[in-house]
Amino acid sequence: ALRRRGIVGWSLTICTLPVYWVLI
């Protein structure tokens, strides 16, 4: 989804998905 928006990288952000889900 990010690549389709022209965003590359953000590996650390993607790695923190499980933590973000805890907040949800």
PDB file of all heavy atoms in Angstrom:
ATOM      1  N   ALA A   1       0.825  -1.206   0.000  1.00  0.00           N
ATOM      2  CA  ALA A   1       0.000   0.000   0.000  1.00  0.00           C
ATOM      3  C   ALA A   1       0.861   1.259   0.000  1.00  0.00           C
ATOM      4  O   ALA A   1       0.553   2.235  -0.692  1.00  0.00           O
ATOM      5  CB  ALA A   1      -0.931  -0.012   1.216  1.00  0.00           C
ATOM      6  N   LEU A   2       1.941   1.247   0.768  1.00  0.00           N
ATOM      7  CA  LEU A   2       2.821   2.415   0.819  1.00  0.00           C
ATOM      8  C   LEU A   2       3.517   2.651  -0.519  1.00  0.00           C
ATOM      9  O   LEU A   2       3.674   3.803  -0.951  1.00  0.00           O
ATOM     10  CB  LEU A   2       3.856   2.237   1.930  1.00  0.00           C
ATOM     11  CG  LEU A   2       3.329   2.327   3.365  1.00  0.00           C
ATOM     12  CD1 LEU A   2       4.446   2.003   4.352  1.00  0.00           C
ATOM     13  CD2 LEU A   2       2.756   3.711   3.651  1.00  0.00           C
ATOM     14  N   ARG A   3       3.948   1.584  -1.163  1.00  0.00           N
ATOM     15  CA  ARG A   3       4.617   1.738  -2.462  1.00  0.00           C
ATOM     16  C   ARG A   3       3.671   2.341  -3.488  1.00  0.00           C
ATOM     17  O   ARG A   3       4.094   3.130  -4.338  1.00  0.00           O
ATOM     18  CB  ARG A   3       5.130   0.384  -2.932  1.00  0.00           C
ATOM     19  CG  ARG A   3       6.400  -0.078  -2.205  1.00  0.00           C
ATOM     20  CD  ARG A   3       6.873  -1.422  -2.699  1.00  0.00           C
ATOM     21  NE  ARG A   3       8.119  -1.833  -2.042  1.00  0.00           N
ATOM     22  CZ  ARG A   3       8.700  -2.997  -2.213  1.00  0.00           C
ATOM     23  NH1 ARG A   3       8.153  -3.898  -3.036  1.00  0.00           N
ATOM     24  NH2 ARG A   3       9.817  -3.294  -1.573  1.00  0.00           N
ATOM     25  N   ARG A   4       2.409   1.968  -3.434  1.00  0.00           N
ATOM     26  CA  ARG A   4       1.437   2.551  -4.364  1.00  0.00           C
ATOM     27  C   ARG A   4       1.246   4.044  -4.116  1.00  0.00           C
ATOM     28  O   ARG A   4       0.819   4.771  -4.998  1.00  0.00           O
ATOM     29  CB  ARG A   4       0.100   1.817  -4.240  1.00  0.00           C
ATOM     30  CG  ARG A   4       0.141   0.410  -4.797  1.00  0.00           C
ATOM     31  CD  ARG A   4      -1.212  -0.271  -4.700  1.00  0.00           C
ATOM     32  NE  ARG A   4      -1.192  -1.584  -5.345  1.00  0.00           N
ATOM     33  CZ  ARG A   4      -2.230  -2.415  -5.368  1.00  0.00           C
ATOM     34  NH1 ARG A   4      -3.374  -2.078  -4.788  1.00  0.00           N
ATOM     35  NH2 ARG A   4      -2.135  -3.584  -5.980  1.00  0.00           N
ATOM     36  N   ARG A   5       1.571   4.475  -2.915  1.00  0.00           N
ATOM     37  CA  ARG A   5       1.481   5.896  -2.588  1.00  0.00           C
ATOM     38  C   ARG A   5       2.816   6.595  -2.782  1.00  0.00           C
ATOM     39  O   ARG A   5       2.975   7.758  -2.442  1.00  0.00           O
ATOM     40  CB  ARG A   5       1.014   6.082  -1.135  1.00  0.00           C
ATOM     41  CG  ARG A   5      -0.385   5.584  -0.894  1.00  0.00           C
ATOM     42  CD  ARG A   5      -1.430   6.683  -1.036  1.00  0.00           C
ATOM     43  NE  ARG A   5      -1.416   7.398  -2.318  1.00  0.00           N
ATOM     44  CZ  ARG A   5      -2.015   6.991  -3.424  1.00  0.00           C
ATOM     45  NH1 ARG A   5      -2.670   5.852  -3.430  1.00  0.00           N
ATOM     46  NH2 ARG A   5      -1.952   7.707  -4.523  1.00  0.00           N
ATOM     47  N   GLY A   6       3.820   5.841  -3.262  1.00  0.00           N
ATOM     48  CA  GLY A   6       5.123   6.429  -3.513  1.00  0.00           C
ATOM     49  C   GLY A   6       5.992   6.543  -2.279  1.00  0.00           C
ATOM     50  O   GLY A   6       6.963   7.308  -2.274  1.00  0.00           O
ATOM     51  N   ILE A   7       5.668   5.778  -1.238  1.00  0.00           N
ATOM     52  CA  ILE A   7       6.433   5.815   0.003  1.00  0.00           C
ATOM     53  C   ILE A   7       7.267   4.545   0.112  1.00  0.00           C
ATOM     54  O   ILE A   7       6.731   3.438   0.041  1.00  0.00           O
ATOM     55  CB  ILE A   7       5.500   5.932   1.224  1.00  0.00           C
ATOM     56  CG1 ILE A   7       4.672   7.214   1.145  1.00  0.00           C
ATOM     57  CG2 ILE A   7       6.307   5.914   2.522  1.00  0.00           C
ATOM     58  CD1 ILE A   7       3.619   7.334   2.238  1.00  0.00           C
ATOM     59  N   VAL A   8       8.559   4.697   0.280  1.00  0.00           N
ATOM     60  CA  VAL A   8       9.450   3.548   0.434  1.00  0.00           C
ATOM     61  C   VAL A   8      10.125   3.632   1.798  1.00  0.00           C
ATOM     62  O   VAL A   8      10.160   4.681   2.434  1.00  0.00           O
ATOM     63  CB  VAL A   8      10.510   3.496  -0.684  1.00  0.00           C
ATOM     64  CG1 VAL A   8       9.856   3.284  -2.031  1.00  0.00           C
ATOM     65  CG2 VAL A   8      11.344   4.779  -0.690  1.00  0.00           C
ATOM     66  N   GLY A   9      10.676   2.502   2.231  1.00  0.00           N
ATOM     67  CA  GLY A   9      11.297   2.472   3.546  1.00  0.00           C
ATOM     68  C   GLY A   9      10.278   2.185   4.628  1.00  0.00           C
ATOM     69  O   GLY A   9       9.433   1.301   4.491  1.00  0.00           O
ATOM     70  N   TRP A  10      10.359   2.945   5.698  1.00  0.00           N
ATOM     71  CA  TRP A  10       9.448   2.811   6.836  1.00  0.00           C
ATOM     72  C   TRP A  10       9.495   1.414   7.450  1.00  0.00           C
ATOM     73  O   TRP A  10       8.504   0.914   7.977  1.00  0.00           O
ATOM     74  CB  TRP A  10       8.022   3.151   6.428  1.00  0.00           C
ATOM     75  CG  TRP A  10       7.773   4.612   6.209  1.00  0.00           C
ATOM     76  CD1 TRP A  10       8.696   5.551   5.859  1.00  0.00           C
ATOM     77  CD2 TRP A  10       6.524   5.309   6.316  1.00  0.00           C
ATOM     78  NE1 TRP A  10       8.120   6.782   5.725  1.00  0.00           N
ATOM     79  CE2 TRP A  10       6.783   6.673   5.991  1.00  0.00           C
ATOM     80  CE3 TRP A  10       5.234   4.926   6.626  1.00  0.00           C
ATOM     81  CZ2 TRP A  10       5.784   7.630   5.998  1.00  0.00           C
ATOM     82  CZ3 TRP A  10       4.231   5.878   6.617  1.00  0.00           C
ATOM     83  CH2 TRP A  10       4.502   7.220   6.314  1.00  0.00           C
ATOM     84  N   SER A  11      10.641   0.751   7.374  1.00  0.00           N
ATOM     85  CA  SER A  11      10.753  -0.608   7.904  1.00  0.00           C
ATOM     86  C   SER A  11      10.487  -0.656   9.401  1.00  0.00           C
ATOM     87  O   SER A  11       9.810  -1.570   9.903  1.00  0.00           O
ATOM     88  CB  SER A  11      12.147  -1.176   7.602  1.00  0.00           C
ATOM     89  OG  SER A  11      12.356  -1.269   6.207  1.00  0.00           O
ATOM     90  N   LEU A  12      11.005   0.316  10.136  1.00  0.00           N
ATOM     91  CA  LEU A  12      10.791   0.349  11.577  1.00  0.00           C
ATOM     92  C   LEU A  12       9.317   0.523  11.902  1.00  0.00           C
ATOM     93  O   LEU A  12       8.786  -0.109  12.824  1.00  0.00           O
ATOM     94  CB  LEU A  12      11.606   1.472  12.213  1.00  0.00           C
ATOM     95  CG  LEU A  12      11.457   1.643  13.734  1.00  0.00           C
ATOM     96  CD1 LEU A  12      11.877   0.362  14.446  1.00  0.00           C
ATOM     97  CD2 LEU A  12      12.253   2.838  14.225  1.00  0.00           C
ATOM     98  N   THR A  13       8.636   1.372  11.142  1.00  0.00           N
ATOM     99  CA  THR A  13       7.213   1.593  11.353  1.00  0.00           C
ATOM    100  C   THR A  13       6.433   0.302  11.143  1.00  0.00           C
ATOM    101  O   THR A  13       5.553  -0.046  11.943  1.00  0.00           O
ATOM    102  CB  THR A  13       6.691   2.673  10.388  1.00  0.00           C
ATOM    103  OG1 THR A  13       7.407   3.882  10.592  1.00  0.00           O
ATOM    104  CG2 THR A  13       5.204   2.918  10.605  1.00  0.00           C
ATOM    105  N   ILE A  14       6.748  -0.417  10.083  1.00  0.00           N
ATOM    106  CA  ILE A  14       6.064  -1.675   9.806  1.00  0.00           C
ATOM    107  C   ILE A  14       6.356  -2.703  10.901  1.00  0.00           C
ATOM    108  O   ILE A  14       5.479  -3.484  11.289  1.00  0.00           O
ATOM    109  CB  ILE A  14       6.466  -2.206   8.419  1.00  0.00           C
ATOM    110  CG1 ILE A  14       5.950  -1.252   7.330  1.00  0.00           C
ATOM    111  CG2 ILE A  14       5.937  -3.617   8.185  1.00  0.00           C
ATOM    112  CD1 ILE A  14       6.398  -1.602   5.930  1.00  0.00           C
ATOM    113  N   CYS A  15       7.574  -2.687  11.436  1.00  0.00           N
ATOM    114  CA  CYS A  15       7.934  -3.621  12.510  1.00  0.00           C
ATOM    115  C   CYS A  15       7.173  -3.342  13.801  1.00  0.00           C
ATOM    116  O   CYS A  15       7.021  -4.244  14.636  1.00  0.00           O
ATOM    117  CB  CYS A  15       9.433  -3.560  12.782  1.00  0.00           C
ATOM    118  SG  CYS A  15      10.449  -4.312  11.498  1.00  0.00           S
ATOM    119  N   THR A  16       6.707  -2.113  13.975  1.00  0.00           N
ATOM    120  CA  THR A  16       5.971  -1.779  15.198  1.00  0.00           C
ATOM    121  C   THR A  16       4.464  -1.990  15.064  1.00  0.00           C
ATOM    122  O   THR A  16       3.702  -1.616  15.963  1.00  0.00           O
ATOM    123  CB  THR A  16       6.237  -0.316  15.615  1.00  0.00           C
ATOM    124  OG1 THR A  16       5.832   0.574  14.548  1.00  0.00           O
ATOM    125  CG2 THR A  16       7.697  -0.095  15.933  1.00  0.00           C
ATOM    126  N   LEU A  17       4.038  -2.583  13.967  1.00  0.00           N
ATOM    127  CA  LEU A  17       2.612  -2.889  13.806  1.00  0.00           C
ATOM    128  C   LEU A  17       2.026  -3.654  14.996  1.00  0.00           C
ATOM    129  O   LEU A  17       0.938  -3.303  15.482  1.00  0.00           O
ATOM    130  CB  LEU A  17       2.390  -3.688  12.512  1.00  0.00           C
ATOM    131  CG  LEU A  17       2.261  -2.896  11.213  1.00  0.00           C
ATOM    132  CD1 LEU A  17       2.274  -3.846  10.013  1.00  0.00           C
ATOM    133  CD2 LEU A  17       0.986  -2.064  11.216  1.00  0.00           C
ATOM    134  N   PRO A  18       2.687  -4.719  15.499  1.00  0.00           N
ATOM    135  CA  PRO A  18       2.116  -5.450  16.641  1.00  0.00           C
ATOM    136  C   PRO A  18       1.905  -4.581  17.881  1.00  0.00           C
ATOM    137  O   PRO A  18       0.940  -4.783  18.625  1.00  0.00           O
ATOM    138  CB  PRO A  18       3.155  -6.545  16.905  1.00  0.00           C
ATOM    139  CG  PRO A  18       3.852  -6.732  15.603  1.00  0.00           C
ATOM    140  CD  PRO A  18       3.912  -5.361  14.992  1.00  0.00           C
ATOM    141  N   VAL A  19       2.793  -3.609  18.091  1.00  0.00           N
ATOM    142  CA  VAL A  19       2.631  -2.704  19.226  1.00  0.00           C
ATOM    143  C   VAL A  19       1.446  -1.766  18.990  1.00  0.00           C
ATOM    144  O   VAL A  19       0.656  -1.481  19.894  1.00  0.00           O
ATOM    145  CB  VAL A  19       3.917  -1.891  19.468  1.00  0.00           C
ATOM    146  CG1 VAL A  19       3.771  -0.990  20.690  1.00  0.00           C
ATOM    147  CG2 VAL A  19       5.110  -2.819  19.624  1.00  0.00           C
ATOM    148  N   TYR A  20       1.324  -1.308  17.767  1.00  0.00           N
ATOM    149  CA  TYR A  20       0.198  -0.435  17.402  1.00  0.00           C
ATOM    150  C   TYR A  20      -1.126  -1.156  17.601  1.00  0.00           C
ATOM    151  O   TYR A  20      -2.102  -0.559  18.059  1.00  0.00           O
ATOM    152  CB  TYR A  20       0.369   0.001  15.950  1.00  0.00           C
ATOM    153  CG  TYR A  20      -0.658   1.002  15.459  1.00  0.00           C
ATOM    154  CD1 TYR A  20      -0.717   2.284  15.996  1.00  0.00           C
ATOM    155  CD2 TYR A  20      -1.541   0.677  14.437  1.00  0.00           C
ATOM    156  CE1 TYR A  20      -1.631   3.213  15.542  1.00  0.00           C
ATOM    157  CE2 TYR A  20      -2.457   1.595  13.966  1.00  0.00           C
ATOM    158  CZ  TYR A  20      -2.504   2.868  14.520  1.00  0.00           C
ATOM    159  OH  TYR A  20      -3.416   3.776  14.069  1.00  0.00           O
ATOM    160  N   TRP A  21      -1.160  -2.439  17.298  1.00  0.00           N
ATOM    161  CA  TRP A  21      -2.387  -3.213  17.485  1.00  0.00           C
ATOM    162  C   TRP A  21      -2.766  -3.328  18.948  1.00  0.00           C
ATOM    163  O   TRP A  21      -3.948  -3.439  19.280  1.00  0.00           O
ATOM    164  CB  TRP A  21      -2.223  -4.602  16.870  1.00  0.00           C
ATOM    165  CG  TRP A  21      -2.053  -4.581  15.385  1.00  0.00           C
ATOM    166  CD1 TRP A  21      -2.320  -3.550  14.532  1.00  0.00           C
ATOM    167  CD2 TRP A  21      -1.566  -5.645  14.564  1.00  0.00           C
ATOM    168  NE1 TRP A  21      -2.022  -3.890  13.235  1.00  0.00           N
ATOM    169  CE2 TRP A  21      -1.561  -5.174  13.225  1.00  0.00           C
ATOM    170  CE3 TRP A  21      -1.124  -6.938  14.827  1.00  0.00           C
ATOM    171  CZ2 TRP A  21      -1.132  -5.970  12.161  1.00  0.00           C
ATOM    172  CZ3 TRP A  21      -0.700  -7.730  13.770  1.00  0.00           C
ATOM    173  CH2 TRP A  21      -0.710  -7.250  12.456  1.00  0.00           C
ATOM    174  N   VAL A  22      -1.789  -3.311  19.838  1.00  0.00           N
ATOM    175  CA  VAL A  22      -2.092  -3.312  21.273  1.00  0.00           C
ATOM    176  C   VAL A  22      -2.872  -2.048  21.638  1.00  0.00           C
ATOM    177  O   VAL A  22      -3.852  -2.094  22.394  1.00  0.00           O
ATOM    178  CB  VAL A  22      -0.804  -3.410  22.107  1.00  0.00           C
ATOM    179  CG1 VAL A  22      -1.118  -3.213  23.595  1.00  0.00           C
ATOM    180  CG2 VAL A  22      -0.132  -4.758  21.897  1.00  0.00           C
ATOM    181  N   LEU A  23      -2.455  -0.912  21.080  1.00  0.00           N
ATOM    182  CA  LEU A  23      -3.174   0.337  21.327  1.00  0.00           C
ATOM    183  C   LEU A  23      -4.605   0.253  20.802  1.00  0.00           C
ATOM    184  O   LEU A  23      -5.545   0.729  21.441  1.00  0.00           O
ATOM    185  CB  LEU A  23      -2.441   1.507  20.668  1.00  0.00           C
ATOM    186  CG  LEU A  23      -1.041   1.825  21.185  1.00  0.00           C
ATOM    187  CD1 LEU A  23      -0.468   3.022  20.435  1.00  0.00           C
ATOM    188  CD2 LEU A  23      -1.049   2.077  22.675  1.00  0.00           C
ATOM    189  N   ILE A  24      -4.776  -0.366  19.640  1.00  0.00           N
ATOM    190  CA  ILE A  24      -6.120  -0.531  19.095  1.00  0.00           C
ATOM    191  C   ILE A  24      -6.945  -1.428  20.016  1.00  0.00           C
ATOM    192  O   ILE A  24      -8.144  -1.198  20.231  1.00  0.00           O
ATOM    193  CB  ILE A  24      -6.054  -1.122  17.674  1.00  0.00           C
ATOM    194  CG1 ILE A  24      -5.342  -0.155  16.726  1.00  0.00           C
ATOM    195  CG2 ILE A  24      -7.456  -1.440  17.151  1.00  0.00           C
ATOM    196  CD1 ILE A  24      -5.157  -0.691  15.321  1.00  0.00           C
TER     197      ILE A  24
END
